[in-house]
Amino acid sequence: MTRTSDRTTTDLTAWLGEPLTDRLTDAEQREAAHRIFRHIADQEEEATARNWMIGMNPHLNDQAPLLAIAAGQTADVDAAARAYIDGVWT
């Protein structure tokens, strides 16, 4: 594990907790979750970003973004995050 991956995992664990972070089984998933979380948190608060990551999302067929990332749907989660930041919920 690289230093960046260590920091990414540490941040995700602080933001989401260990059980949720452990759902992300590889470095690519953790890097994506970290990037998307920061994208939301930079516009909102960390608590809002956490709730967004673990809550049902209409752009992901009511799947939580974190679970979608774990399922390999990172591009869909990126699009959902952009829609959230842009205020597009149709």
Protein backbone atom coordinates (compact mmCIF):
# COMPACT_ATOMS: atom_id res chain seq x y z
CA MET A 1 0.00 0.00 0.00
CA THR A 2 1.38 3.41 -0.90
CA ARG A 3 1.51 6.42 1.35
CA THR A 4 -1.33 8.01 -0.67
CA SER A 5 -3.45 4.90 -0.20
CA ASP A 6 -2.72 4.94 3.55
CA ARG A 7 -3.89 8.55 3.76
CA THR A 8 -6.94 7.82 1.61
CA THR A 9 -7.94 4.91 3.82
CA THR A 10 -7.35 6.95 6.98
CA ASP A 11 -9.52 9.79 5.65
CA LEU A 12 -12.30 7.47 4.50
CA THR A 13 -12.32 5.67 7.84
CA ALA A 14 -12.58 9.01 9.67
CA TRP A 15 -15.41 10.18 7.42
CA LEU A 16 -17.38 6.96 6.92
CA GLY A 17 -16.23 4.58 9.64
CA GLU A 18 -14.31 1.35 9.29
CA PRO A 19 -17.22 -0.96 8.37
CA LEU A 20 -18.22 1.21 5.41
CA THR A 21 -14.65 1.85 4.30
CA ASP A 22 -14.02 -1.90 4.34
CA ARG A 23 -16.71 -2.31 1.66
CA LEU A 24 -14.24 -0.72 -0.75
CA THR A 25 -11.97 -3.64 -1.48
CA ASP A 26 -9.24 -2.10 -3.61
CA ALA A 27 -7.19 1.07 -3.88
CA GLU A 28 -9.00 2.23 -7.03
CA GLN A 29 -12.38 2.13 -5.27
CA ARG A 30 -10.98 3.93 -2.22
CA GLU A 31 -9.35 6.62 -4.35
CA ALA A 32 -12.63 7.16 -6.22
CA ALA A 33 -14.65 7.32 -3.00
CA HIS A 34 -12.14 9.77 -1.51
CA ARG A 35 -12.23 12.01 -4.59
CA ILE A 36 -16.03 12.00 -4.79
CA PHE A 37 -16.42 12.57 -1.04
CA ARG A 38 -14.05 15.57 -1.21
CA HIS A 39 -15.93 16.92 -4.24
CA ILE A 40 -19.20 16.91 -2.27
CA ALA A 41 -17.58 18.09 0.99
CA ASP A 42 -15.89 21.00 -0.78
CA GLN A 43 -19.33 22.30 -1.77
CA GLU A 44 -21.22 21.24 1.36
CA GLU A 45 -20.15 20.02 4.80
CA GLU A 46 -18.49 16.72 5.58
CA ALA A 47 -21.65 15.48 7.32
CA THR A 48 -23.62 16.19 4.15
CA ALA A 49 -21.01 14.39 2.04
CA ARG A 50 -21.16 11.39 4.39
CA ASN A 51 -24.94 11.24 4.19
CA TRP A 52 -24.78 11.59 0.41
CA MET A 53 -22.27 8.71 0.14
CA ILE A 54 -24.35 6.29 2.23
CA GLY A 55 -27.90 7.37 1.37
CA MET A 56 -30.21 6.18 -1.38
CA ASN A 57 -29.56 8.05 -4.60
CA PRO A 58 -32.16 8.50 -7.35
CA HIS A 59 -29.44 8.74 -10.02
CA LEU A 60 -28.20 5.29 -8.98
CA ASN A 61 -31.56 3.51 -8.88
CA ASP A 62 -31.78 4.25 -5.14
CA GLN A 63 -28.45 2.57 -4.45
CA ALA A 64 -26.01 4.29 -2.08
CA PRO A 65 -23.05 5.85 -3.93
CA LEU A 66 -20.60 4.02 -1.68
CA LEU A 67 -22.14 0.67 -2.62
CA ALA A 68 -22.20 1.65 -6.29
CA ILE A 69 -18.46 2.40 -6.14
CA ALA A 70 -17.90 -0.99 -4.50
CA ALA A 71 -19.87 -2.56 -7.37
CA GLY A 72 -17.64 -0.93 -9.98
CA GLN A 73 -20.03 1.86 -10.99
CA THR A 74 -17.66 4.75 -10.35
CA ALA A 75 -18.56 6.61 -13.56
CA ASP A 76 -22.23 6.56 -12.55
CA VAL A 77 -21.35 7.86 -9.08
CA ASP A 78 -19.24 10.64 -10.63
CA ALA A 79 -22.26 11.66 -12.73
CA ALA A 80 -24.55 11.52 -9.68
CA ALA A 81 -22.14 13.70 -7.70
CA ARG A 82 -22.05 16.27 -10.50
CA ALA A 83 -25.85 16.23 -10.64
CA TYR A 84 -26.03 16.76 -6.88
CA ILE A 85 -23.60 19.68 -6.93
CA ASP A 86 -25.38 21.20 -9.94
CA GLY A 87 -28.78 20.75 -8.29
CA VAL A 88 -30.09 18.42 -11.00
CA TRP A 89 -32.39 15.75 -9.53
CA THR A 90 -34.57 14.78 -12.48
